[in-house]
PDB file of N, CA and C in Angstrom:
ATOM      1  N   MET A   1      86.675  86.532 116.010  1.00  0.00           N
ATOM      2  CA  MET A   1      86.953  87.172 115.131  1.00  0.00           C
ATOM      3  C   MET A   1      87.653  88.213 114.284  1.00  0.00           C
ATOM      4  N   LYS A   2      88.672  88.437 113.702  1.00  0.00           N
ATOM      5  CA  LYS A   2      88.944  89.445 112.600  1.00  0.00           C
ATOM      6  C   LYS A   2      89.396  89.016 111.637  1.00  0.00           C
ATOM      7  N   ILE A   3      88.063  89.865 110.608  1.00  0.00           N
ATOM      8  CA  ILE A   3      87.954  89.893 109.322  1.00  0.00           C
ATOM      9  C   ILE A   3      88.256  91.082 109.071  1.00  0.00           C
ATOM     10  N   LEU A   4      89.529  91.076 107.340  1.00  0.00           N
ATOM     11  CA  LEU A   4      89.756  91.974 106.949  1.00  0.00           C
ATOM     12  C   LEU A   4      89.118  92.401 105.345  1.00  0.00           C
ATOM     13  N   PHE A   5      88.995  92.479 104.509  1.00  0.00           N
ATOM     14  CA  PHE A   5      87.423  92.736 103.793  1.00  0.00           C
ATOM     15  C   PHE A   5      89.021  93.706 102.949  1.00  0.00           C
ATOM     16  N   VAL A   6      89.630  93.574 102.064  1.00  0.00           N
ATOM     17  CA  VAL A   6      90.207  94.124 100.863  1.00  0.00           C
ATOM     18  C   VAL A   6      89.882  94.426  99.490  1.00  0.00           C
ATOM     19  N   SER A   7      89.655  95.560  98.969  1.00  0.00           N
ATOM     20  CA  SER A   7      88.935  95.927  97.709  1.00  0.00           C
ATOM     21  C   SER A   7      89.810  96.965  96.791  1.00  0.00           C
ATOM     22  N   ASN A   8      89.259  97.562  95.924  1.00  0.00           N
ATOM     23  CA  ASN A   8      90.401  98.500  94.803  1.00  0.00           C
ATOM     24  C   ASN A   8      89.958  99.315  94.776  1.00  0.00           C
ATOM     25  N   TYR A   9      88.117  99.252  95.442  1.00  0.00           N
ATOM     26  CA  TYR A   9      87.232 100.488  95.586  1.00  0.00           C
ATOM     27  C   TYR A   9      86.302 100.290  97.105  1.00  0.00           C
ATOM     28  N   GLU A  10      85.495 101.389  97.381  1.00  0.00           N
ATOM     29  CA  GLU A  10      85.156 101.340  98.719  1.00  0.00           C
ATOM     30  C   GLU A  10      83.387 101.152  98.355  1.00  0.00           C
ATOM     31  N   PRO A  11      83.416  99.508  97.906  1.00  0.00           N
ATOM     32  CA  PRO A  11      82.038  99.541  98.264  1.00  0.00           C
ATOM     33  C   PRO A  11      81.113  99.424  99.226  1.00  0.00           C
ATOM     34  N   TRP A  12      81.623  99.573 100.578  1.00  0.00           N
ATOM     35  CA  TRP A  12      80.873  99.827 101.735  1.00  0.00           C
ATOM     36  C   TRP A  12      80.180 100.514 101.685  1.00  0.00           C
ATOM     37  N   GLY A  13      80.490 102.020 101.638  1.00  0.00           N
ATOM     38  CA  GLY A  13      80.397 103.175 101.764  1.00  0.00           C
ATOM     39  C   GLY A  13      79.181 103.645 101.096  1.00  0.00           C
ATOM     40  N   LEU A  14      78.779 102.625  99.659  1.00  0.00           N
ATOM     41  CA  LEU A  14      77.234 102.636  98.903  1.00  0.00           C
ATOM     42  C   LEU A  14      76.639 101.416  99.462  1.00  0.00           C
ATOM     43  N   VAL A  15      76.906 100.681 100.233  1.00  0.00           N
ATOM     44  CA  VAL A  15      76.159  99.476 100.964  1.00  0.00           C
ATOM     45  C   VAL A  15      75.139 100.291 102.002  1.00  0.00           C
ATOM     46  N   ALA A  16      76.171 100.518 102.983  1.00  0.00           N
ATOM     47  CA  ALA A  16      75.515 101.335 104.285  1.00  0.00           C
ATOM     48  C   ALA A  16      75.187 102.596 104.496  1.00  0.00           C
ATOM     49  N   LYS A  17      75.053 103.551 103.597  1.00  0.00           N
ATOM     50  CA  LYS A  17      74.160 104.569 102.930  1.00  0.00           C
ATOM     51  C   LYS A  17      72.817 103.564 102.405  1.00  0.00           C
ATOM     52  N   GLY A  18      72.516 102.435 101.950  1.00  0.00           N
ATOM     53  CA  GLY A  18      71.538 101.673 100.888  1.00  0.00           C
ATOM     54  C   GLY A  18      71.483 102.194  98.896  1.00  0.00           C
ATOM     55  N   LEU A  19      72.597 102.351  98.888  1.00  0.00           N
ATOM     56  CA  LEU A  19      73.108 102.655  98.185  1.00  0.00           C
ATOM     57  C   LEU A  19      73.411 101.437  96.454  1.00  0.00           C
ATOM     58  N   MET A  20      73.861 100.273  97.438  1.00  0.00           N
ATOM     59  CA  MET A  20      74.310  99.201  96.609  1.00  0.00           C
ATOM     60  C   MET A  20      73.835  98.427  96.821  1.00  0.00           C
ATOM     61  N   PRO A  21      73.423  96.995  96.453  1.00  0.00           N
ATOM     62  CA  PRO A  21      72.747  95.669  97.193  1.00  0.00           C
ATOM     63  C   PRO A  21      74.355  94.907  98.287  1.00  0.00           C
ATOM     64  N   SER A  22      73.920  95.033  98.860  1.00  0.00           N
ATOM     65  CA  SER A  22      74.351  93.958 100.254  1.00  0.00           C
ATOM     66  C   SER A  22      74.869  92.795  99.746  1.00  0.00           C
ATOM     67  N   ASN A  23      74.517  91.791  98.735  1.00  0.00           N
ATOM     68  CA  ASN A  23      75.032  90.722  98.191  1.00  0.00           C
ATOM     69  C   ASN A  23      77.167  91.375  97.107  1.00  0.00           C
ATOM     70  N   HIS A  24      76.526  92.859  97.271  1.00  0.00           N
ATOM     71  CA  HIS A  24      78.181  93.189  96.421  1.00  0.00           C
ATOM     72  C   HIS A  24      79.252  92.163  97.869  1.00  0.00           C
ATOM     73  N   LEU A  25      79.229  93.055  98.821  1.00  0.00           N
ATOM     74  CA  LEU A  25      79.531  91.826  99.934  1.00  0.00           C
ATOM     75  C   LEU A  25      79.555  90.795 100.338  1.00  0.00           C
ATOM     76  N   PHE A  26      79.015  90.404  99.563  1.00  0.00           N
ATOM     77  CA  PHE A  26      79.205  89.014  99.697  1.00  0.00           C
ATOM     78  C   PHE A  26      78.777  87.985 101.362  1.00  0.00           C
ATOM     79  N   GLY A  27      77.297  89.156 101.649  1.00  0.00           N
ATOM     80  CA  GLY A  27      76.568  88.749 102.707  1.00  0.00           C
ATOM     81  C   GLY A  27      77.491  89.221 104.223  1.00  0.00           C
ATOM     82  N   ILE A  28      78.001  89.958 104.243  1.00  0.00           N
ATOM     83  CA  ILE A  28      79.375  90.482 104.860  1.00  0.00           C
ATOM     84  C   ILE A  28      78.845  91.570 105.657  1.00  0.00           C
ATOM     85  N   LYS A  29      77.626  92.850 104.824  1.00  0.00           N
ATOM     86  CA  LYS A  29      76.687  93.681 105.797  1.00  0.00           C
ATOM     87  C   LYS A  29      76.203  92.779 105.984  1.00  0.00           C
ATOM     88  N   GLU A  30      75.417  91.889 106.370  1.00  0.00           N
ATOM     89  CA  GLU A  30      74.070  91.108 107.261  1.00  0.00           C
ATOM     90  C   GLU A  30      74.882  90.599 108.846  1.00  0.00           C
ATOM     91  N   ALA A  31      75.912  90.292 108.652  1.00  0.00           N
ATOM     92  CA  ALA A  31      76.814  90.015 109.880  1.00  0.00           C
ATOM     93  C   ALA A  31      76.634  91.663 110.665  1.00  0.00           C
ATOM     94  N   LEU A  32      77.095  92.600 110.325  1.00  0.00           N
ATOM     95  CA  LEU A  32      77.708  93.385 111.234  1.00  0.00           C
ATOM     96  C   LEU A  32      76.236  94.173 111.906  1.00  0.00           C
ATOM     97  N   THR A  33      76.643  93.905 112.705  1.00  0.00           N
ATOM     98  CA  THR A  33      75.584  95.549 113.353  1.00  0.00           C
ATOM     99  C   THR A  33      76.128  96.256 113.650  1.00  0.00           C
ATOM    100  N   GLY A  34      77.141  96.722 113.400  1.00  0.00           N
ATOM    101  CA  GLY A  34      77.461  98.761 112.990  1.00  0.00           C
ATOM    102  C   GLY A  34      78.514  98.446 111.816  1.00  0.00           C
ATOM    103  N   LEU A  35      78.381  98.962 110.858  1.00  0.00           N
ATOM    104  CA  LEU A  35      78.914  99.408 109.944  1.00  0.00           C
ATOM    105  C   LEU A  35      79.551 100.817 109.614  1.00  0.00           C
ATOM    106  N   ASN A  36      80.659 101.596 110.131  1.00  0.00           N
ATOM    107  CA  ASN A  36      80.794 102.869 109.818  1.00  0.00           C
ATOM    108  C   ASN A  36      82.672 103.392 109.743  1.00  0.00           C
ATOM    109  N   GLU A  37      81.958 104.398 108.888  1.00  0.00           N
ATOM    110  CA  GLU A  37      83.220 105.207 108.372  1.00  0.00           C
ATOM    111  C   GLU A  37      84.589 105.719 109.283  1.00  0.00           C
ATOM    112  N   LYS A  38      85.537 104.199 109.780  1.00  0.00           N
ATOM    113  CA  LYS A  38      87.060 104.946 110.859  1.00  0.00           C
ATOM    114  C   LYS A  38      87.360 106.184 110.381  1.00  0.00           C
ATOM    115  N   LYS A  39      87.842 106.767 109.077  1.00  0.00           N
ATOM    116  CA  LYS A  39      88.384 107.908 108.496  1.00  0.00           C
ATOM    117  C   LYS A  39      88.203 107.679 106.965  1.00  0.00           C
ATOM    118  N   SER A  40      88.524 108.124 106.550  1.00  0.00           N
ATOM    119  CA  SER A  40      88.185 108.050 104.646  1.00  0.00           C
ATOM    120  C   SER A  40      89.075 107.275 103.531  1.00  0.00           C
ATOM    121  N   GLY A  41      88.223 106.208 103.675  1.00  0.00           N
ATOM    122  CA  GLY A  41      88.527 105.160 102.674  1.00  0.00           C
ATOM    123  C   GLY A  41      88.436 104.057 103.812  1.00  0.00           C
ATOM    124  N   CYS A  42      88.351 104.246 104.980  1.00  0.00           N
ATOM    125  CA  CYS A  42      88.537 102.912 105.868  1.00  0.00           C
ATOM    126  C   CYS A  42      87.268 102.466 106.259  1.00  0.00           C
ATOM    127  N   TRP A  43      85.904 101.730 106.692  1.00  0.00           N
ATOM    128  CA  TRP A  43      85.526 101.606 107.583  1.00  0.00           C
ATOM    129  C   TRP A  43      85.341  99.050 108.399  1.00  0.00           C
ATOM    130  N   GLY A  44      84.419 100.191 109.363  1.00  0.00           N
ATOM    131  CA  GLY A  44      84.694  98.865 109.961  1.00  0.00           C
ATOM    132  C   GLY A  44      82.527  98.148 110.531  1.00  0.00           C
ATOM    133  N   GLY A  45      83.266  97.181 111.168  1.00  0.00           N
ATOM    134  CA  GLY A  45      82.007  96.809 112.258  1.00  0.00           C
ATOM    135  C   GLY A  45      82.162  95.750 113.374  1.00  0.00           C
ATOM    136  N   ILE A  46      81.654  95.350 113.892  1.00  0.00           N
ATOM    137  CA  ILE A  46      81.021  94.332 114.626  1.00  0.00           C
ATOM    138  C   ILE A  46      80.238  93.082 114.591  1.00  0.00           C
ATOM    139  N   PHE A  47      80.571  91.902 114.679  1.00  0.00           N
ATOM    140  CA  PHE A  47      79.282  91.023 114.693  1.00  0.00           C
ATOM    141  C   PHE A  47      79.835  90.038 115.658  1.00  0.00           C
ATOM    142  N   ASN A  48      79.092  89.812 116.488  1.00  0.00           N
ATOM    143  CA  ASN A  48      78.747  88.753 117.304  1.00  0.00           C
ATOM    144  C   ASN A  48      79.961  89.304 118.975  1.00  0.00           C
ATOM    145  N   ASP A  49      80.718  88.282 118.404  1.00  0.00           N
ATOM    146  CA  ASP A  49      82.316  88.746 118.825  1.00  0.00           C
ATOM    147  C   ASP A  49      83.319  89.093 118.571  1.00  0.00           C
ATOM    148  N   GLY A  50      82.956  89.481 117.177  1.00  0.00           N
ATOM    149  CA  GLY A  50      84.007  89.191 116.089  1.00  0.00           C
ATOM    150  C   GLY A  50      84.492  91.023 115.470  1.00  0.00           C
ATOM    151  N   THR A  51      85.080  91.260 114.648  1.00  0.00           N
ATOM    152  CA  THR A  51      84.807  92.927 114.176  1.00  0.00           C
ATOM    153  C   THR A  51      85.360  92.359 112.611  1.00  0.00           C
ATOM    154  N   VAL A  52      84.804  93.138 111.807  1.00  0.00           N
ATOM    155  CA  VAL A  52      85.342  93.453 110.301  1.00  0.00           C
ATOM    156  C   VAL A  52      85.971  94.431 109.384  1.00  0.00           C
ATOM    157  N   ASP A  53      86.465  94.695 109.579  1.00  0.00           N
ATOM    158  CA  ASP A  53      87.416  95.692 109.188  1.00  0.00           C
ATOM    159  C   ASP A  53      87.391  95.775 107.710  1.00  0.00           C
ATOM    160  N   PHE A  54      87.074  96.908 106.622  1.00  0.00           N
ATOM    161  CA  PHE A  54      87.584  97.254 105.094  1.00  0.00           C
ATOM    162  C   PHE A  54      88.601  98.443 104.301  1.00  0.00           C
ATOM    163  N   ILE A  55      89.378  97.685 103.782  1.00  0.00           N
ATOM    164  CA  ILE A  55      90.241  99.194 103.405  1.00  0.00           C
ATOM    165  C   ILE A  55      90.437  98.906 102.619  1.00  0.00           C
ATOM    166  N   ARG A  56      90.443 100.164 101.533  1.00  0.00           N
ATOM    167  CA  ARG A  56      90.940 100.373  99.736  1.00  0.00           C
ATOM    168  C   ARG A  56      92.524 100.232  99.156  1.00  0.00           C
ATOM    169  N   ILE A  57      92.898  99.215  98.835  1.00  0.00           N
ATOM    170  CA  ILE A  57      94.171  99.295  98.417  1.00  0.00           C
ATOM    171  C   ILE A  57      94.268  99.028  96.562  1.00  0.00           C
ATOM    172  N   THR A  58      95.538  99.493  96.351  1.00  0.00           N
ATOM    173  CA  THR A  58      95.757  99.313  94.805  1.00  0.00           C
ATOM    174  C   THR A  58      96.535  98.684  94.519  1.00  0.00           C
ATOM    175  N   LYS A  59      97.104  98.256  95.644  1.00  0.00           N
ATOM    176  CA  LYS A  59      98.405  97.287  95.369  1.00  0.00           C
ATOM    177  C   LYS A  59      98.823  96.664  96.594  1.00  0.00           C
ATOM    178  N   CYS A  60      99.559  95.349  96.913  1.00  0.00           N
ATOM    179  CA  CYS A  60      99.777  95.361  97.988  1.00  0.00           C
ATOM    180  C   CYS A  60     101.263  95.620  98.162  1.00  0.00           C
ATOM    181  N   ARG A  61     101.606  95.886  98.996  1.00  0.00           N
ATOM    182  CA  ARG A  61     102.822  96.451 100.186  1.00  0.00           C
ATOM    183  C   ARG A  61     103.379  96.274 100.715  1.00  0.00           C
ATOM    184  N   LEU A  62     104.700  95.966 100.720  1.00  0.00           N
ATOM    185  CA  LEU A  62     105.249  95.249 101.291  1.00  0.00           C
ATOM    186  C   LEU A  62     104.963  95.962 102.731  1.00  0.00           C
ATOM    187  N   ASN A  63     104.723  96.833 103.584  1.00  0.00           N
ATOM    188  CA  ASN A  63     104.567  97.498 104.679  1.00  0.00           C
ATOM    189  C   ASN A  63     102.638  97.051 105.009  1.00  0.00           C
ATOM    190  N   LEU A  64     102.324  96.832 105.000  1.00  0.00           N
ATOM    191  CA  LEU A  64     100.725  95.914 104.678  1.00  0.00           C
ATOM    192  C   LEU A  64     101.252  95.133 105.185  1.00  0.00           C
ATOM    193  N   PHE A  65     101.718  93.738 105.393  1.00  0.00           N
ATOM    194  CA  PHE A  65     101.979  92.454 106.309  1.00  0.00           C
ATOM    195  C   PHE A  65     101.819  92.210 106.919  1.00  0.00           C
ATOM    196  N   CYS A  66     102.138  93.431 107.965  1.00  0.00           N
ATOM    197  CA  CYS A  66     101.798  93.194 109.392  1.00  0.00           C
ATOM    198  C   CYS A  66     100.118  93.693 109.387  1.00  0.00           C
ATOM    199  N   THR A  67      99.621  94.754 108.803  1.00  0.00           N
ATOM    200  CA  THR A  67      98.526  94.794 109.199  1.00  0.00           C
ATOM    201  C   THR A  67      97.930  93.584 109.113  1.00  0.00           C
ATOM    202  N   PHE A  68      97.855  92.625 107.932  1.00  0.00           N
ATOM    203  CA  PHE A  68      97.361  91.785 107.462  1.00  0.00           C
ATOM    204  C   PHE A  68      97.566  90.080 108.469  1.00  0.00           C
ATOM    205  N   SER A  69      98.864  90.312 109.097  1.00  0.00           N
ATOM    206  CA  SER A  69      99.044  89.105 109.856  1.00  0.00           C
ATOM    207  C   SER A  69      98.047  89.661 111.397  1.00  0.00           C
ATOM    208  N   LYS A  70      97.997  90.630 111.711  1.00  0.00           N
ATOM    209  CA  LYS A  70      96.599  91.026 112.675  1.00  0.00           C
ATOM    210  C   LYS A  70      95.418  89.907 112.656  1.00  0.00           C
ATOM    211  N   TYR A  71      94.699  89.882 111.396  1.00  0.00           N
ATOM    212  CA  TYR A  71      93.525  89.365 110.516  1.00  0.00           C
ATOM    213  C   TYR A  71      93.215  87.631 110.779  1.00  0.00           C
ATOM    214  N   ASP A  72      92.317  87.026 111.209  1.00  0.00           N
ATOM    215  CA  ASP A  72      92.346  85.653 111.079  1.00  0.00           C
ATOM    216  C   ASP A  72      91.648  85.456 109.654  1.00  0.00           C
ATOM    217  N   VAL A  73      91.380  86.288 108.981  1.00  0.00           N
ATOM    218  CA  VAL A  73      90.252  86.140 107.766  1.00  0.00           C
ATOM    219  C   VAL A  73      91.116  87.223 106.842  1.00  0.00           C
ATOM    220  N   VAL A  74      91.795  86.920 105.669  1.00  0.00           N
ATOM    221  CA  VAL A  74      91.794  88.258 104.483  1.00  0.00           C
ATOM    222  C   VAL A  74      90.750  88.142 103.466  1.00  0.00           C
ATOM    223  N   TYR A  75      90.165  88.823 103.381  1.00  0.00           N
ATOM    224  CA  TYR A  75      89.074  88.628 102.066  1.00  0.00           C
ATOM    225  C   TYR A  75      89.935  89.310 100.926  1.00  0.00           C
ATOM    226  N   ASP A  76      90.212  89.051  99.851  1.00  0.00           N
ATOM    227  CA  ASP A  76      90.768  89.829  99.353  1.00  0.00           C
ATOM    228  C   ASP A  76      89.922  89.532  97.902  1.00  0.00           C
ATOM    229  N   VAL A  77      89.377  90.797  97.395  1.00  0.00           N
ATOM    230  CA  VAL A  77      88.768  90.261  96.139  1.00  0.00           C
ATOM    231  C   VAL A  77      89.200  90.894  95.422  1.00  0.00           C
ATOM    232  N   ILE A  78      90.002  92.221  95.074  1.00  0.00           N
ATOM    233  CA  ILE A  78      91.179  91.813  94.019  1.00  0.00           C
ATOM    234  C   ILE A  78      92.063  90.454  93.444  1.00  0.00           C
ATOM    235  N   ASN A  79      92.686  90.023  94.292  1.00  0.00           N
ATOM    236  CA  ASN A  79      93.814  89.108  94.206  1.00  0.00           C
ATOM    237  C   ASN A  79      95.285  89.606  93.958  1.00  0.00           C
ATOM    238  N   VAL A  80      94.683  90.058  94.895  1.00  0.00           N
ATOM    239  CA  VAL A  80      96.727  90.892  94.670  1.00  0.00           C
ATOM    240  C   VAL A  80      97.120  90.966  96.114  1.00  0.00           C
ATOM    241  N   VAL A  81      96.522  90.642  97.554  1.00  0.00           N
ATOM    242  CA  VAL A  81      97.475  90.884  98.293  1.00  0.00           C
ATOM    243  C   VAL A  81      97.006  89.011  99.083  1.00  0.00           C
ATOM    244  N   SER A  82      96.003  88.369  98.273  1.00  0.00           N
ATOM    245  CA  SER A  82      96.023  86.493  98.532  1.00  0.00           C
ATOM    246  C   SER A  82      97.483  85.862  97.179  1.00  0.00           C
ATOM    247  N   LYS A  83      97.928  86.772  96.468  1.00  0.00           N
ATOM    248  CA  LYS A  83      99.543  86.048  96.200  1.00  0.00           C
ATOM    249  C   LYS A  83     100.483  86.067  97.022  1.00  0.00           C
ATOM    250  N   MET A  84     100.189  87.630  97.856  1.00  0.00           N
ATOM    251  CA  MET A  84     101.330  87.534  98.796  1.00  0.00           C
ATOM    252  C   MET A  84     101.380  87.504 100.551  1.00  0.00           C
ATOM    253  N   VAL A  85     100.196  86.968 100.433  1.00  0.00           N
ATOM    254  CA  VAL A  85     100.179  87.133 101.820  1.00  0.00           C
ATOM    255  C   VAL A  85     100.691  85.718 102.899  1.00  0.00           C
ATOM    256  N   GLY A  86     100.551  84.852 102.221  1.00  0.00           N
ATOM    257  CA  GLY A  86     101.292  83.143 102.295  1.00  0.00           C
ATOM    258  C   GLY A  86     102.148  83.367 103.073  1.00  0.00           C
ATOM    259  N   VAL A  87     103.545  84.167 102.897  1.00  0.00           N
ATOM    260  CA  VAL A  87     104.829  85.245 103.049  1.00  0.00           C
ATOM    261  C   VAL A  87     104.323  85.494 104.848  1.00  0.00           C
ATOM    262  N   VAL A  88     103.009  85.904 105.196  1.00  0.00           N
ATOM    263  CA  VAL A  88     102.856  86.787 106.422  1.00  0.00           C
ATOM    264  C   VAL A  88     103.620  86.582 107.168  1.00  0.00           C
ATOM    265  N   ASN A  89     104.444  86.524 108.055  1.00  0.00           N
ATOM    266  CA  ASN A  89     105.095  86.438 109.761  1.00  0.00           C
ATOM    267  C   ASN A  89     104.025  86.253 110.656  1.00  0.00           C
ATOM    268  N   LYS A  90     103.802  85.372 111.218  1.00  0.00           N
ATOM    269  CA  LYS A  90     102.041  85.243 112.113  1.00  0.00           C
ATOM    270  C   LYS A  90     103.072  86.675 113.045  1.00  0.00           C
ATOM    271  N   GLU A  91     104.897  86.317 113.210  1.00  0.00           N
ATOM    272  CA  GLU A  91     104.735  87.523 115.043  1.00  0.00           C
ATOM    273  C   GLU A  91     104.642  88.779 114.393  1.00  0.00           C
ATOM    274  N   CYS A  92     104.231  89.721 113.466  1.00  0.00           N
ATOM    275  CA  CYS A  92     104.664  90.244 113.310  1.00  0.00           C
ATOM    276  C   CYS A  92     103.801  91.332 114.207  1.00  0.00           C
ATOM    277  N   HIS A  93     102.562  90.840 114.664  1.00  0.00           N
ATOM    278  CA  HIS A  93     101.954  91.633 115.853  1.00  0.00           C
ATOM    279  C   HIS A  93     102.289  90.966 117.213  1.00  0.00           C
TER     280      HIS A  93
END
């Protein structure tokens, strides 16, 4: 399973460094066996046979829809993606 965690700031960086309680990510951090920065503003980790990616966005843009469609679950803490993600064509990927 592939999970995408979308936020408007980067809480996962602080959690990975032990500077913020992990419950801020609603238990996702505990499920990861590895959490690392892939590039500035983009983190990822592995759990069981799946992956979690964390990205920071400020607003939902049309060019992100194909990115969202590659994930089984898109967890949207800013309620921007979830308003639009229903129109994603799963054939994008």
